[in-house]
Amino acid sequence: MTGPDGNGADFLTLPEAFTLTLTLGGRYAGQQVWTLHPERSAVVARVQTDFGGVLPELRRVQTSRLHPRHLSSLHYTEGDGRGKASFEVTFDRRAGLVTLRQGKDEASAPLTTEYFDPVSLLLYLRTLGDVERSQVQLTGGHVLIQRLPDTEVGEDLARAYFLRPGGAYVYVEQAPPHRLLRLIQPTDFGPIEGALLPARKAQPTRRRLRSG
C-alpha cells in the first residue's frame, strides 16, 4: 500500500533530522529527537524521547524499519536505548508471520495485511494529502484517522488529524516537505504536547586574524 498521494516516502529528503519540544500544561517536559536515513532498501526512523522537567527523567527509544514506498513497518523496537529492546515486532513477509517479543514472552500470528507501528503511522500521515478518512492496522488493532479542519501552527498552515483509539492529535505541514509540526498525546499525567523546534541556521565561521 502506497500513500494516498501515490508518493510513499518520495517526499522525504533523506537523511532527515528534527526535534520536538515537549510540554505538559505549558511547562517543559522534555524533548523528542527524530532521525531518518536510508538503509538497504528501507527507511530507518529512530525516535529518542527524553522526558524531564515536570515529568520524571526517563529515556525511551523507538526504532522503526519501514518499507520505502508503503511506509508500512518491517521491524519495530522499543527500549531505553541502553540494552536489549523491551518490546520488538518483526514482520516476516517470506514466512508470512508477525512475531511479537516482550521480555521473555513471544507470540506469532499470520501476516495477512500491511501493519504500521507508532512511528511509521506518524510518518504515513505526512503522505495523506486531502484524504478525509483512513484506517490502518497496528498490532494492537485498527486506528481510524479522521481529518479535521486545517489550522495554523505558528506561521505554517497545517492539516490536522485525530486518531482513534488513543485520542491523539497530529498537525502536519500542508506544504512540502509536510513536517510534523505539533503532536498532542493523552497520558496519565495529562496531554503532552510536542512542538517542532525550528532548525538553527548555520552561523558563519569566524577566524581570528594574526597580527604580523
N, C-alpha and C. Protein backbone atom coordinates (compact mmCIF):
# COMPACT_ATOMS: atom_id res chain seq x y z
N MET A 1 0.85 -1.19 0.00
CA MET A 1 0.00 0.00 0.00
C MET A 1 0.88 1.23 0.00
N THR A 2 0.76 2.04 -1.03
CA THR A 2 1.48 3.31 -1.05
C THR A 2 0.64 4.35 -0.35
N GLY A 3 1.24 5.50 -0.09
CA GLY A 3 0.49 6.58 0.50
C GLY A 3 -0.61 7.01 -0.45
N PRO A 4 -1.69 7.64 0.06
CA PRO A 4 -2.80 8.05 -0.78
C PRO A 4 -2.40 8.98 -1.90
N ASP A 5 -1.31 9.71 -1.73
CA ASP A 5 -0.85 10.60 -2.80
C ASP A 5 -0.01 9.86 -3.82
N GLY A 6 0.22 8.54 -3.57
CA GLY A 6 0.97 7.72 -4.50
C GLY A 6 2.47 7.85 -4.40
N ASN A 7 2.95 8.72 -3.50
CA ASN A 7 4.37 9.00 -3.44
C ASN A 7 5.13 8.19 -2.40
N GLY A 8 4.41 7.56 -1.47
CA GLY A 8 5.11 6.85 -0.42
C GLY A 8 6.07 7.76 0.28
N ALA A 9 7.31 7.32 0.43
CA ALA A 9 8.32 8.12 1.13
C ALA A 9 9.08 9.04 0.20
N ASP A 10 8.62 9.19 -1.05
CA ASP A 10 9.36 10.02 -2.00
C ASP A 10 9.46 11.47 -1.57
N PHE A 11 8.52 11.92 -0.70
CA PHE A 11 8.56 13.31 -0.26
C PHE A 11 9.68 13.56 0.73
N LEU A 12 10.25 12.49 1.29
CA LEU A 12 11.30 12.64 2.28
C LEU A 12 12.62 12.99 1.60
N THR A 13 13.35 13.88 2.22
CA THR A 13 14.71 14.16 1.79
C THR A 13 15.63 13.55 2.83
N LEU A 14 16.17 12.39 2.51
CA LEU A 14 16.96 11.64 3.48
C LEU A 14 18.45 11.93 3.31
N PRO A 15 19.20 11.94 4.41
CA PRO A 15 18.74 11.80 5.79
C PRO A 15 17.99 13.03 6.28
N GLU A 16 17.16 12.83 7.29
CA GLU A 16 16.35 13.91 7.86
C GLU A 16 16.45 13.84 9.38
N ALA A 17 16.46 15.01 10.02
CA ALA A 17 16.50 15.06 11.48
C ALA A 17 15.71 16.27 11.95
N PHE A 18 14.94 16.08 13.01
CA PHE A 18 14.20 17.20 13.59
C PHE A 18 13.92 16.90 15.06
N THR A 19 13.60 17.94 15.82
CA THR A 19 13.39 17.82 17.26
C THR A 19 12.08 18.46 17.66
N LEU A 20 11.33 17.77 18.53
CA LEU A 20 10.10 18.29 19.10
C LEU A 20 10.35 18.62 20.58
N THR A 21 9.94 19.81 20.99
CA THR A 21 9.99 20.18 22.40
C THR A 21 8.69 19.75 23.07
N LEU A 22 8.79 19.04 24.21
CA LEU A 22 7.62 18.52 24.90
C LEU A 22 7.22 19.43 26.04
N THR A 23 5.91 19.65 26.17
CA THR A 23 5.39 20.44 27.29
C THR A 23 4.17 19.74 27.88
N LEU A 24 3.93 19.99 29.16
CA LEU A 24 2.77 19.48 29.87
C LEU A 24 2.17 20.63 30.66
N GLY A 25 0.96 21.03 30.28
CA GLY A 25 0.35 22.18 30.92
C GLY A 25 1.15 23.45 30.72
N GLY A 26 1.83 23.56 29.59
CA GLY A 26 2.62 24.75 29.29
C GLY A 26 4.01 24.76 29.92
N ARG A 27 4.37 23.69 30.62
CA ARG A 27 5.67 23.61 31.27
C ARG A 27 6.55 22.57 30.58
N TYR A 28 7.85 22.83 30.55
CA TYR A 28 8.79 21.96 29.85
C TYR A 28 8.73 20.53 30.40
N ALA A 29 8.65 19.54 29.48
CA ALA A 29 8.53 18.14 29.88
C ALA A 29 9.51 17.23 29.15
N GLY A 30 10.48 17.82 28.40
CA GLY A 30 11.48 17.01 27.72
C GLY A 30 11.57 17.34 26.25
N GLN A 31 12.22 16.45 25.50
CA GLN A 31 12.33 16.63 24.06
C GLN A 31 12.36 15.28 23.35
N GLN A 32 12.03 15.34 22.07
CA GLN A 32 11.97 14.13 21.24
C GLN A 32 12.76 14.38 19.96
N VAL A 33 13.78 13.58 19.74
CA VAL A 33 14.67 13.75 18.58
C VAL A 33 14.40 12.64 17.56
N TRP A 34 14.07 13.05 16.34
CA TRP A 34 13.81 12.13 15.23
C TRP A 34 14.98 12.15 14.26
N THR A 35 15.41 10.97 13.82
CA THR A 35 16.40 10.86 12.75
C THR A 35 15.94 9.80 11.77
N LEU A 36 16.04 10.09 10.49
CA LEU A 36 15.64 9.15 9.44
C LEU A 36 16.76 9.02 8.44
N HIS A 37 17.02 7.79 7.98
CA HIS A 37 18.05 7.59 6.96
C HIS A 37 17.74 6.32 6.17
N PRO A 38 18.20 6.25 4.92
CA PRO A 38 18.01 5.04 4.12
C PRO A 38 18.99 3.96 4.54
N GLU A 39 18.54 2.72 4.46
CA GLU A 39 19.42 1.60 4.82
C GLU A 39 18.95 0.33 4.13
N ARG A 40 19.71 -0.13 3.16
CA ARG A 40 19.44 -1.40 2.48
C ARG A 40 17.98 -1.55 2.07
N SER A 41 17.55 -0.76 1.12
CA SER A 41 16.19 -0.80 0.55
C SER A 41 15.11 -0.61 1.60
N ALA A 42 15.39 0.18 2.63
CA ALA A 42 14.40 0.51 3.65
C ALA A 42 14.69 1.91 4.16
N VAL A 43 13.75 2.45 4.92
CA VAL A 43 13.95 3.70 5.65
C VAL A 43 13.97 3.37 7.13
N VAL A 44 14.97 3.84 7.84
CA VAL A 44 15.08 3.59 9.28
C VAL A 44 14.82 4.90 10.02
N ALA A 45 13.83 4.86 10.91
CA ALA A 45 13.49 6.02 11.73
C ALA A 45 13.79 5.70 13.19
N ARG A 46 14.55 6.57 13.84
CA ARG A 46 14.86 6.40 15.26
C ARG A 46 14.32 7.60 16.01
N VAL A 47 13.55 7.35 17.06
CA VAL A 47 12.94 8.41 17.85
C VAL A 47 13.40 8.25 19.30
N GLN A 48 14.15 9.23 19.78
CA GLN A 48 14.62 9.20 21.17
C GLN A 48 13.88 10.27 21.95
N THR A 49 13.11 9.84 22.94
CA THR A 49 12.35 10.75 23.78
C THR A 49 12.98 10.81 25.16
N ASP A 50 13.41 11.99 25.57
CA ASP A 50 13.99 12.21 26.90
C ASP A 50 13.01 13.05 27.70
N PHE A 51 12.26 12.39 28.59
CA PHE A 51 11.33 13.11 29.44
C PHE A 51 12.11 13.78 30.57
N GLY A 52 11.58 14.89 31.05
CA GLY A 52 12.23 15.62 32.14
C GLY A 52 11.39 16.80 32.53
N GLY A 53 12.00 17.79 33.17
CA GLY A 53 11.24 18.96 33.59
C GLY A 53 10.20 18.59 34.63
N VAL A 54 8.91 18.74 34.28
CA VAL A 54 7.83 18.42 35.22
C VAL A 54 7.53 16.93 35.26
N LEU A 55 8.18 16.14 34.41
CA LEU A 55 7.99 14.69 34.39
C LEU A 55 9.23 13.99 34.92
N PRO A 56 9.07 12.77 35.44
CA PRO A 56 10.25 12.01 35.87
C PRO A 56 11.22 11.82 34.72
N GLU A 57 12.51 11.89 34.99
CA GLU A 57 13.51 11.72 33.94
C GLU A 57 13.51 10.27 33.46
N LEU A 58 13.27 10.11 32.17
CA LEU A 58 13.14 8.78 31.58
C LEU A 58 13.47 8.87 30.10
N ARG A 59 14.19 7.88 29.60
CA ARG A 59 14.52 7.84 28.17
C ARG A 59 13.78 6.68 27.51
N ARG A 60 13.21 6.95 26.35
CA ARG A 60 12.52 5.94 25.56
C ARG A 60 13.04 6.03 24.14
N VAL A 61 13.47 4.91 23.59
CA VAL A 61 13.99 4.87 22.22
C VAL A 61 13.14 3.93 21.39
N GLN A 62 12.62 4.45 20.29
CA GLN A 62 11.82 3.66 19.34
C GLN A 62 12.56 3.63 18.00
N THR A 63 12.65 2.45 17.43
CA THR A 63 13.30 2.31 16.12
C THR A 63 12.36 1.57 15.19
N SER A 64 12.10 2.17 14.03
CA SER A 64 11.19 1.58 13.05
C SER A 64 11.90 1.44 11.72
N ARG A 65 11.84 0.25 11.18
CA ARG A 65 12.37 -0.01 9.84
C ARG A 65 11.16 -0.09 8.90
N LEU A 66 11.13 0.80 7.90
CA LEU A 66 9.93 0.98 7.08
C LEU A 66 10.16 0.56 5.63
N HIS A 67 9.07 0.12 5.01
CA HIS A 67 9.10 -0.08 3.56
C HIS A 67 9.24 1.30 2.91
N PRO A 68 10.16 1.48 1.95
CA PRO A 68 10.44 2.82 1.42
C PRO A 68 9.28 3.47 0.68
N ARG A 69 8.33 2.69 0.18
CA ARG A 69 7.18 3.29 -0.52
C ARG A 69 5.89 3.15 0.27
N HIS A 70 5.65 1.98 0.84
CA HIS A 70 4.40 1.78 1.57
C HIS A 70 4.39 2.52 2.91
N LEU A 71 5.58 2.70 3.49
CA LEU A 71 5.75 3.23 4.84
C LEU A 71 5.16 2.31 5.90
N SER A 72 4.84 1.08 5.51
CA SER A 72 4.41 0.09 6.49
C SER A 72 5.65 -0.42 7.23
N SER A 73 5.41 -1.07 8.36
CA SER A 73 6.51 -1.47 9.24
C SER A 73 7.11 -2.81 8.82
N LEU A 74 8.43 -2.86 8.80
CA LEU A 74 9.16 -4.11 8.58
C LEU A 74 9.70 -4.67 9.89
N HIS A 75 10.01 -3.76 10.82
CA HIS A 75 10.56 -4.17 12.12
C HIS A 75 10.45 -2.98 13.06
N TYR A 76 10.10 -3.24 14.32
CA TYR A 76 9.90 -2.15 15.28
C TYR A 76 10.37 -2.59 16.65
N THR A 77 11.08 -1.68 17.35
CA THR A 77 11.54 -1.97 18.71
C THR A 77 11.31 -0.77 19.61
N GLU A 78 11.17 -1.07 20.91
CA GLU A 78 11.11 -0.04 21.94
C GLU A 78 12.02 -0.45 23.08
N GLY A 79 12.67 0.53 23.70
CA GLY A 79 13.53 0.25 24.84
C GLY A 79 14.08 1.53 25.41
N ASP A 80 15.07 1.40 26.29
CA ASP A 80 15.68 2.59 26.89
C ASP A 80 16.95 3.01 26.17
N GLY A 81 17.31 2.30 25.10
CA GLY A 81 18.48 2.66 24.32
C GLY A 81 19.79 2.22 24.91
N ARG A 82 19.75 1.53 26.05
CA ARG A 82 20.98 1.15 26.73
C ARG A 82 21.26 -0.36 26.64
N GLY A 83 20.31 -1.10 26.16
CA GLY A 83 20.48 -2.55 26.08
C GLY A 83 19.48 -3.15 25.13
N LYS A 84 19.15 -4.41 25.36
CA LYS A 84 18.21 -5.11 24.50
C LYS A 84 16.83 -4.48 24.60
N ALA A 85 16.13 -4.40 23.47
CA ALA A 85 14.81 -3.79 23.44
C ALA A 85 13.84 -4.56 24.34
N SER A 86 12.98 -3.81 25.03
CA SER A 86 12.00 -4.44 25.91
C SER A 86 10.78 -4.92 25.13
N PHE A 87 10.59 -4.37 23.91
CA PHE A 87 9.45 -4.75 23.06
C PHE A 87 9.93 -4.77 21.62
N GLU A 88 9.56 -5.81 20.88
CA GLU A 88 10.02 -5.96 19.50
C GLU A 88 8.93 -6.63 18.67
N VAL A 89 8.76 -6.14 17.44
CA VAL A 89 7.83 -6.74 16.50
C VAL A 89 8.55 -6.93 15.17
N THR A 90 8.48 -8.15 14.64
CA THR A 90 9.09 -8.46 13.34
C THR A 90 7.99 -8.89 12.37
N PHE A 91 8.01 -8.31 11.16
CA PHE A 91 7.05 -8.65 10.13
C PHE A 91 7.80 -9.40 9.03
N ASP A 92 7.71 -10.72 9.07
CA ASP A 92 8.45 -11.58 8.15
C ASP A 92 7.55 -11.92 6.97
N ARG A 93 7.74 -11.21 5.84
CA ARG A 93 6.88 -11.43 4.69
C ARG A 93 7.15 -12.77 4.00
N ARG A 94 8.37 -13.25 4.07
CA ARG A 94 8.68 -14.55 3.45
C ARG A 94 7.99 -15.69 4.20
N ALA A 95 8.06 -15.63 5.53
CA ALA A 95 7.43 -16.68 6.33
C ALA A 95 5.94 -16.41 6.55
N GLY A 96 5.51 -15.18 6.27
CA GLY A 96 4.11 -14.83 6.46
C GLY A 96 3.71 -14.76 7.92
N LEU A 97 4.62 -14.25 8.78
CA LEU A 97 4.37 -14.23 10.22
C LEU A 97 4.65 -12.86 10.83
N VAL A 98 3.85 -12.52 11.83
CA VAL A 98 4.12 -11.38 12.70
C VAL A 98 4.57 -11.96 14.03
N THR A 99 5.74 -11.57 14.51
CA THR A 99 6.26 -12.09 15.77
C THR A 99 6.47 -10.95 16.76
N LEU A 100 5.85 -11.06 17.94
CA LEU A 100 5.98 -10.07 19.00
C LEU A 100 6.79 -10.66 20.13
N ARG A 101 7.73 -9.87 20.63
CA ARG A 101 8.54 -10.28 21.79
C ARG A 101 8.48 -9.17 22.83
N GLN A 102 8.14 -9.55 24.06
CA GLN A 102 8.12 -8.62 25.17
C GLN A 102 8.72 -9.33 26.38
N GLY A 103 9.92 -8.88 26.75
CA GLY A 103 10.64 -9.60 27.80
C GLY A 103 10.97 -11.00 27.32
N LYS A 104 10.58 -12.00 28.10
CA LYS A 104 10.82 -13.40 27.73
C LYS A 104 9.64 -14.02 26.98
N ASP A 105 8.57 -13.25 26.84
CA ASP A 105 7.38 -13.76 26.16
C ASP A 105 7.47 -13.54 24.66
N GLU A 106 6.98 -14.49 23.89
CA GLU A 106 6.98 -14.39 22.43
C GLU A 106 5.70 -15.01 21.88
N ALA A 107 5.14 -14.36 20.86
CA ALA A 107 3.92 -14.87 20.21
C ALA A 107 3.98 -14.54 18.73
N SER A 108 3.39 -15.41 17.91
CA SER A 108 3.37 -15.21 16.45
C SER A 108 1.95 -15.34 15.93
N ALA A 109 1.69 -14.67 14.81
CA ALA A 109 0.39 -14.73 14.16
C ALA A 109 0.60 -14.60 12.67
N PRO A 110 -0.34 -15.07 11.84
CA PRO A 110 -0.20 -14.95 10.39
C PRO A 110 -0.15 -13.49 9.96
N LEU A 111 0.71 -13.20 8.99
CA LEU A 111 0.82 -11.86 8.42
C LEU A 111 -0.11 -11.78 7.22
N THR A 112 -1.27 -11.15 7.40
CA THR A 112 -2.29 -11.13 6.35
C THR A 112 -2.53 -9.75 5.76
N THR A 113 -1.88 -8.71 6.29
CA THR A 113 -2.08 -7.36 5.80
C THR A 113 -0.84 -6.54 6.12
N GLU A 114 -0.80 -5.30 5.63
CA GLU A 114 0.29 -4.39 5.97
C GLU A 114 0.05 -3.81 7.36
N TYR A 115 1.07 -3.78 8.18
CA TYR A 115 0.98 -3.24 9.53
C TYR A 115 1.80 -1.97 9.64
N PHE A 116 1.37 -1.11 10.56
CA PHE A 116 2.12 0.08 10.91
C PHE A 116 2.50 -0.01 12.39
N ASP A 117 3.47 0.79 12.79
CA ASP A 117 3.84 0.90 14.19
C ASP A 117 3.66 2.37 14.60
N PRO A 118 3.83 2.71 15.88
CA PRO A 118 3.59 4.10 16.30
C PRO A 118 4.43 5.13 15.57
N VAL A 119 5.63 4.77 15.13
CA VAL A 119 6.49 5.71 14.42
C VAL A 119 6.09 5.79 12.94
N SER A 120 5.94 4.65 12.29
CA SER A 120 5.60 4.65 10.87
C SER A 120 4.22 5.28 10.63
N LEU A 121 3.31 5.15 11.59
CA LEU A 121 1.99 5.76 11.46
C LEU A 121 2.10 7.27 11.34
N LEU A 122 2.93 7.90 12.18
CA LEU A 122 3.09 9.35 12.11
C LEU A 122 3.72 9.79 10.80
N LEU A 123 4.67 9.02 10.30
CA LEU A 123 5.28 9.35 9.00
C LEU A 123 4.28 9.15 7.87
N TYR A 124 3.43 8.14 8.00
CA TYR A 124 2.38 7.89 7.00
C TYR A 124 1.42 9.07 6.89
N LEU A 125 1.15 9.73 8.01
CA LEU A 125 0.25 10.89 7.99
C LEU A 125 0.79 12.00 7.10
N ARG A 126 2.10 12.04 6.92
CA ARG A 126 2.70 13.07 6.08
C ARG A 126 2.36 12.87 4.61
N THR A 127 1.83 11.69 4.24
CA THR A 127 1.53 11.39 2.84
C THR A 127 0.03 11.50 2.52
N LEU A 128 -0.82 11.77 3.51
CA LEU A 128 -2.26 11.62 3.31
C LEU A 128 -2.89 12.66 2.39
N GLY A 129 -2.28 13.82 2.29
CA GLY A 129 -2.85 14.83 1.41
C GLY A 129 -4.25 15.22 1.84
N ASP A 130 -5.21 15.23 0.90
CA ASP A 130 -6.57 15.69 1.18
C ASP A 130 -7.52 14.57 1.57
N VAL A 131 -7.02 13.39 1.87
CA VAL A 131 -7.87 12.28 2.30
C VAL A 131 -8.57 12.65 3.59
N GLU A 132 -9.91 12.46 3.65
CA GLU A 132 -10.69 12.84 4.82
C GLU A 132 -10.67 11.78 5.91
N ARG A 133 -10.68 10.51 5.52
CA ARG A 133 -10.66 9.42 6.49
C ARG A 133 -9.78 8.29 5.97
N SER A 134 -9.11 7.63 6.89
CA SER A 134 -8.28 6.48 6.53
C SER A 134 -8.22 5.56 7.73
N GLN A 135 -7.85 4.31 7.47
CA GLN A 135 -7.73 3.33 8.55
C GLN A 135 -6.51 2.48 8.31
N VAL A 136 -5.72 2.27 9.35
CA VAL A 136 -4.52 1.44 9.23
C VAL A 136 -4.53 0.41 10.35
N GLN A 137 -3.70 -0.61 10.17
CA GLN A 137 -3.63 -1.71 11.12
C GLN A 137 -2.34 -1.64 11.92
N LEU A 138 -2.45 -1.57 13.25
CA LEU A 138 -1.32 -1.76 14.15
C LEU A 138 -1.47 -3.13 14.80
N THR A 139 -0.43 -3.59 15.45
CA THR A 139 -0.52 -4.92 16.07
C THR A 139 -1.59 -4.95 17.17
N GLY A 140 -1.89 -3.79 17.75
CA GLY A 140 -2.91 -3.74 18.80
C GLY A 140 -4.31 -3.55 18.28
N GLY A 141 -4.49 -3.37 16.97
CA GLY A 141 -5.81 -3.18 16.39
C GLY A 141 -5.81 -2.07 15.35
N HIS A 142 -7.00 -1.77 14.83
CA HIS A 142 -7.14 -0.74 13.82
C HIS A 142 -7.06 0.65 14.43
N VAL A 143 -6.53 1.60 13.66
CA VAL A 143 -6.51 3.00 14.03
C VAL A 143 -7.26 3.78 12.96
N LEU A 144 -8.27 4.53 13.39
CA LEU A 144 -9.04 5.36 12.47
C LEU A 144 -8.44 6.75 12.45
N ILE A 145 -8.15 7.26 11.26
CA ILE A 145 -7.57 8.59 11.07
C ILE A 145 -8.65 9.50 10.52
N GLN A 146 -8.98 10.55 11.26
CA GLN A 146 -10.02 11.49 10.87
C GLN A 146 -9.42 12.85 10.59
N ARG A 147 -9.69 13.40 9.43
CA ARG A 147 -9.21 14.73 9.06
C ARG A 147 -10.05 15.79 9.75
N LEU A 148 -9.40 16.76 10.36
CA LEU A 148 -10.06 17.90 10.98
C LEU A 148 -9.82 19.14 10.13
N PRO A 149 -10.53 20.24 10.40
CA PRO A 149 -10.28 21.47 9.61
C PRO A 149 -8.82 21.91 9.71
N ASP A 150 -8.32 22.44 8.61
CA ASP A 150 -6.95 22.95 8.61
C ASP A 150 -6.82 24.08 9.63
N THR A 151 -5.61 24.25 10.15
CA THR A 151 -5.37 25.26 11.16
C THR A 151 -3.96 25.81 11.00
N GLU A 152 -3.67 26.89 11.67
CA GLU A 152 -2.33 27.47 11.65
C GLU A 152 -1.55 27.01 12.88
N VAL A 153 -0.33 26.58 12.65
CA VAL A 153 0.59 26.24 13.73
C VAL A 153 1.78 27.18 13.57
N GLY A 154 1.83 28.17 14.44
CA GLY A 154 2.85 29.21 14.25
C GLY A 154 2.57 29.97 12.96
N GLU A 155 3.54 29.98 12.07
CA GLU A 155 3.38 30.67 10.79
C GLU A 155 3.03 29.72 9.66
N ASP A 156 2.80 28.44 9.98
CA ASP A 156 2.56 27.43 8.95
C ASP A 156 1.11 26.95 8.96
N LEU A 157 0.57 26.75 7.77
CA LEU A 157 -0.76 26.15 7.64
C LEU A 157 -0.60 24.65 7.74
N ALA A 158 -1.45 24.01 8.56
CA ALA A 158 -1.28 22.59 8.84
C ALA A 158 -2.57 21.82 8.60
N ARG A 159 -2.42 20.58 8.15
CA ARG A 159 -3.52 19.63 8.14
C ARG A 159 -3.59 19.01 9.54
N ALA A 160 -4.79 18.88 10.06
CA ALA A 160 -4.97 18.36 11.41
C ALA A 160 -5.66 17.00 11.34
N TYR A 161 -5.20 16.05 12.17
CA TYR A 161 -5.77 14.71 12.20
C TYR A 161 -6.05 14.30 13.64
N PHE A 162 -7.10 13.51 13.80
CA PHE A 162 -7.46 12.94 15.10
C PHE A 162 -7.42 11.43 14.97
N LEU A 163 -6.73 10.76 15.91
CA LEU A 163 -6.55 9.32 15.84
C LEU A 163 -7.38 8.64 16.92
N ARG A 164 -8.10 7.59 16.52
CA ARG A 164 -8.88 6.79 17.46
C ARG A 164 -8.60 5.30 17.24
N PRO A 165 -8.46 4.51 18.31
CA PRO A 165 -8.48 4.93 19.71
C PRO A 165 -7.17 5.65 20.07
N GLY A 166 -7.11 6.17 21.26
CA GLY A 166 -5.92 6.86 21.73
C GLY A 166 -6.15 8.34 21.93
N GLY A 167 -6.94 8.96 21.00
CA GLY A 167 -7.28 10.36 21.15
C GLY A 167 -6.15 11.33 20.90
N ALA A 168 -5.18 10.96 20.04
CA ALA A 168 -4.06 11.85 19.74
C ALA A 168 -4.43 12.80 18.61
N TYR A 169 -3.85 14.01 18.66
CA TYR A 169 -3.99 15.00 17.59
C TYR A 169 -2.62 15.18 16.93
N VAL A 170 -2.63 15.22 15.59
CA VAL A 170 -1.39 15.37 14.84
C VAL A 170 -1.58 16.48 13.82
N TYR A 171 -0.61 17.41 13.78
CA TYR A 171 -0.67 18.54 12.86
C TYR A 171 0.51 18.45 11.90
N VAL A 172 0.20 18.36 10.61
CA VAL A 172 1.20 18.15 9.56
C VAL A 172 1.24 19.37 8.65
N GLU A 173 2.43 19.86 8.39
CA GLU A 173 2.62 20.99 7.49
C GLU A 173 1.94 20.71 6.15
N GLN A 174 1.13 21.66 5.68
CA GLN A 174 0.40 21.45 4.44
C GLN A 174 1.32 21.47 3.22
N ALA A 175 2.32 22.31 3.24
CA ALA A 175 3.25 22.42 2.12
C ALA A 175 4.39 21.41 2.28
N PRO A 176 4.98 20.96 1.16
CA PRO A 176 6.15 20.08 1.27
C PRO A 176 7.24 20.74 2.08
N PRO A 177 8.00 19.99 2.89
CA PRO A 177 8.05 18.53 2.97
C PRO A 177 7.09 17.91 3.98
N HIS A 178 5.99 18.60 4.32
CA HIS A 178 4.96 18.05 5.20
C HIS A 178 5.52 17.62 6.55
N ARG A 179 6.17 18.56 7.23
CA ARG A 179 6.79 18.26 8.52
C ARG A 179 5.74 18.01 9.59
N LEU A 180 6.11 17.25 10.60
CA LEU A 180 5.28 17.09 11.80
C LEU A 180 5.47 18.35 12.64
N LEU A 181 4.44 19.19 12.70
CA LEU A 181 4.57 20.48 13.39
C LEU A 181 4.17 20.40 14.85
N ARG A 182 3.19 19.55 15.15
CA ARG A 182 2.67 19.52 16.52
C ARG A 182 1.98 18.19 16.78
N LEU A 183 2.21 17.63 17.95
CA LEU A 183 1.57 16.40 18.39
C LEU A 183 0.96 16.62 19.77
N ILE A 184 -0.22 16.07 20.01
CA ILE A 184 -0.83 16.11 21.35
C ILE A 184 -1.24 14.69 21.70
N GLN A 185 -0.64 14.14 22.76
CA GLN A 185 -0.87 12.75 23.15
C GLN A 185 -1.39 12.68 24.57
N PRO A 186 -2.62 12.15 24.78
CA PRO A 186 -3.10 11.97 26.15
C PRO A 186 -2.23 10.97 26.92
N THR A 187 -1.94 11.26 28.20
CA THR A 187 -1.19 10.35 29.06
C THR A 187 -1.82 10.38 30.45
N ASP A 188 -1.30 9.52 31.34
CA ASP A 188 -1.78 9.51 32.72
C ASP A 188 -1.48 10.83 33.43
N PHE A 189 -0.49 11.56 32.96
CA PHE A 189 -0.12 12.84 33.57
C PHE A 189 -0.95 14.00 33.02
N GLY A 190 -1.63 13.76 31.90
CA GLY A 190 -2.34 14.81 31.18
C GLY A 190 -1.84 14.84 29.74
N PRO A 191 -2.41 15.68 28.89
CA PRO A 191 -1.97 15.74 27.49
C PRO A 191 -0.56 16.32 27.35
N ILE A 192 0.33 15.54 26.76
CA ILE A 192 1.68 16.02 26.47
C ILE A 192 1.71 16.54 25.04
N GLU A 193 2.23 17.74 24.88
CA GLU A 193 2.30 18.36 23.56
C GLU A 193 3.73 18.41 23.07
N GLY A 194 3.92 18.04 21.79
CA GLY A 194 5.21 18.15 21.15
C GLY A 194 5.15 19.19 20.05
N ALA A 195 6.05 20.14 20.05
CA ALA A 195 6.08 21.20 19.04
C ALA A 195 7.42 21.20 18.34
N LEU A 196 7.39 21.34 17.04
CA LEU A 196 8.62 21.30 16.24
C LEU A 196 9.54 22.44 16.63
N LEU A 197 10.76 22.09 16.94
CA LEU A 197 11.78 23.08 17.27
C LEU A 197 12.38 23.58 15.97
N PRO A 198 12.32 24.89 15.68
CA PRO A 198 12.87 25.40 14.41
C PRO A 198 14.34 25.05 14.28
N ALA A 199 14.73 24.67 13.07
CA ALA A 199 16.14 24.35 12.82
C ALA A 199 16.98 25.61 12.93
N ARG A 200 18.13 25.47 13.56
CA ARG A 200 19.04 26.61 13.70
C ARG A 200 19.78 26.84 12.40
N LYS A 201 19.88 28.10 12.05
CA LYS A 201 20.64 28.44 10.86
C LYS A 201 22.14 28.37 11.16
N ALA A 202 22.88 27.89 10.18
CA ALA A 202 24.33 27.77 10.38
C ALA A 202 24.94 29.16 10.52
N GLN A 203 25.79 29.32 11.50
CA GLN A 203 26.44 30.59 11.72
C GLN A 203 27.78 30.63 10.98
N PRO A 204 28.11 31.75 10.38
CA PRO A 204 29.39 31.84 9.68
C PRO A 204 30.56 31.64 10.63
N THR A 205 31.55 30.93 10.17
CA THR A 205 32.73 30.68 10.99
C THR A 205 33.60 31.93 11.05
N ARG A 206 33.93 32.31 12.26
CA ARG A 206 34.77 33.49 12.43
C ARG A 206 36.21 33.07 12.66
N ARG A 207 37.11 33.69 11.95
CA ARG A 207 38.53 33.38 12.12
C ARG A 207 39.25 34.59 12.69
N ARG A 208 40.14 34.30 13.59
CA ARG A 208 40.95 35.37 14.14
C ARG A 208 42.12 35.66 13.21
N LEU A 209 42.35 36.92 13.02
CA LEU A 209 43.48 37.33 12.19
C LEU A 209 44.70 37.55 13.08
N ARG A 210 45.76 36.91 12.71
CA ARG A 210 47.00 37.08 13.49
C ARG A 210 47.73 38.35 13.03
N SER A 211 48.16 39.11 14.01
CA SER A 211 48.91 40.32 13.67
C SER A 211 50.33 39.92 13.30
N GLY A 212 50.91 40.71 12.36
CA GLY A 212 52.24 40.45 11.85
C GLY A 212 53.11 39.76 12.80
